[in-house]
Protein backbone atom coordinates (compact mmCIF):
# COMPACT_ATOMS: atom_id res chain seq x y z
CA MET A 1 -39.68 -36.96 30.70
CA GLY A 2 -39.00 -36.14 34.91
CA ALA A 3 -36.88 -39.46 34.43
CA VAL A 4 -34.85 -38.36 32.06
CA PHE A 5 -33.66 -35.27 33.77
CA ALA A 6 -33.30 -37.51 37.03
CA VAL A 7 -30.69 -39.54 34.63
CA VAL A 8 -28.85 -36.73 33.47
CA LEU A 9 -28.68 -35.08 36.90
CA VAL A 10 -27.26 -38.25 38.31
CA MET A 11 -24.37 -38.81 35.48
CA VAL A 12 -23.84 -35.08 36.32
CA GLY A 13 -23.24 -35.89 39.60
CA VAL A 14 -20.99 -38.93 39.37
CA ALA A 15 -19.15 -36.86 36.64
CA ALA A 16 -18.58 -34.04 39.42
CA ALA A 17 -17.68 -36.78 42.02
CA LEU A 18 -14.80 -37.89 39.80
CA ALA A 19 -13.35 -34.70 38.61
CA LEU A 20 -13.35 -33.45 42.34
CA TYR A 21 -11.69 -36.41 43.05
CA ARG A 22 -9.15 -35.07 40.20
CA LEU A 23 -9.01 -31.34 41.61
CA LEU A 24 -8.07 -33.14 45.01
CA ARG A 25 -5.49 -35.61 43.82
CA GLY A 26 -4.65 -34.24 40.47
CA PRO A 27 -0.49 -34.98 40.14
CA SER A 28 -0.04 -31.40 38.49
CA SER A 29 -1.53 -28.05 39.08
CA LEU A 30 -2.93 -28.18 35.36
CA ASP A 31 -4.85 -31.28 36.02
CA ARG A 32 -6.35 -29.15 38.86
CA VAL A 33 -6.89 -26.42 36.46
CA VAL A 34 -8.65 -28.79 34.16
CA ALA A 35 -10.61 -30.87 36.78
CA LEU A 36 -11.88 -27.31 37.95
CA ASP A 37 -12.89 -26.30 34.40
CA VAL A 38 -14.62 -29.51 34.41
CA VAL A 39 -16.39 -28.86 37.66
CA VAL A 40 -17.78 -25.39 36.52
CA VAL A 41 -18.67 -27.03 33.50
CA LEU A 42 -20.88 -29.35 34.98
CA THR A 43 -22.18 -26.80 37.14
CA LEU A 44 -23.54 -24.96 34.15
CA VAL A 45 -25.26 -28.13 32.52
CA ALA A 46 -26.89 -28.78 36.19
CA ALA A 47 -28.15 -25.34 35.72
CA GLY A 48 -29.20 -25.96 31.98
CA VAL A 49 -31.41 -29.25 32.94
CA TYR A 50 -32.86 -26.76 36.01
CA VAL A 51 -33.57 -24.15 33.00
CA ALA A 52 -34.98 -27.04 30.67
CA TYR A 53 -36.84 -29.07 33.17
CA TYR A 54 -38.91 -25.72 35.04
CA ARG A 55 -38.99 -24.09 31.45
CA ASP A 56 -37.55 -20.80 33.00
CA GLY A 57 -35.58 -18.87 31.04
CA SER A 58 -34.36 -16.19 33.30
CA ASN A 59 -31.55 -17.67 34.61
CA ILE A 60 -29.74 -17.88 30.99
CA PRO A 61 -28.20 -14.40 31.30
CA LEU A 62 -26.66 -16.21 34.85
CA LEU A 63 -25.47 -18.96 32.75
CA ALA A 64 -23.63 -17.16 30.30
CA ALA A 65 -21.80 -15.13 32.73
CA VAL A 66 -21.03 -18.02 35.16
CA ALA A 67 -19.53 -19.37 31.84
CA LEU A 68 -17.28 -16.39 31.04
CA VAL A 69 -16.13 -16.10 34.44
CA GLY A 70 -15.02 -19.82 34.49
CA PHE A 71 -13.39 -19.20 30.72
CA VAL A 72 -11.60 -16.26 32.27
CA GLY A 73 -10.88 -17.82 35.51
CA SER A 74 -8.98 -21.66 33.78
CA THR A 75 -7.46 -19.38 31.09
CA ALA A 76 -5.71 -17.25 33.61
CA ALA A 77 -4.55 -19.81 35.74
CA ALA A 78 -3.62 -21.87 33.10
CA ARG A 79 -1.15 -18.88 32.14
CA LEU A 80 0.01 -18.82 35.79
CA ALA A 81 0.73 -22.39 35.79
CA VAL A 82 2.84 -22.37 32.98
CA ARG A 83 4.80 -19.70 33.95
CA ARG A 84 5.28 -21.42 37.08
CA GLU A 85 6.70 -24.45 35.41
CA ARG A 86 9.26 -22.37 32.66
CA HIS A 87 10.63 -21.09 36.11
CA ARG A 88 11.52 -24.10 37.81
């Protein structure tokens, strides 16, 4: 079972590296907002894998809070980016 979690964490790490590449090299601000949202989701996935591996449910409220902050942050950033695109 430990091998499955290791493989999942490697896959999450590769996905995070690709998302960070898009975050740094994104041609537009909306691409960067989406990449940042993907990084937040991948962080939640990694924390979820930790919760599943150690069977420690004490971090679940933290996962919910980070998910909410990530959603609100990406929504606000997307609205700001759309406003900037309209004024150009």
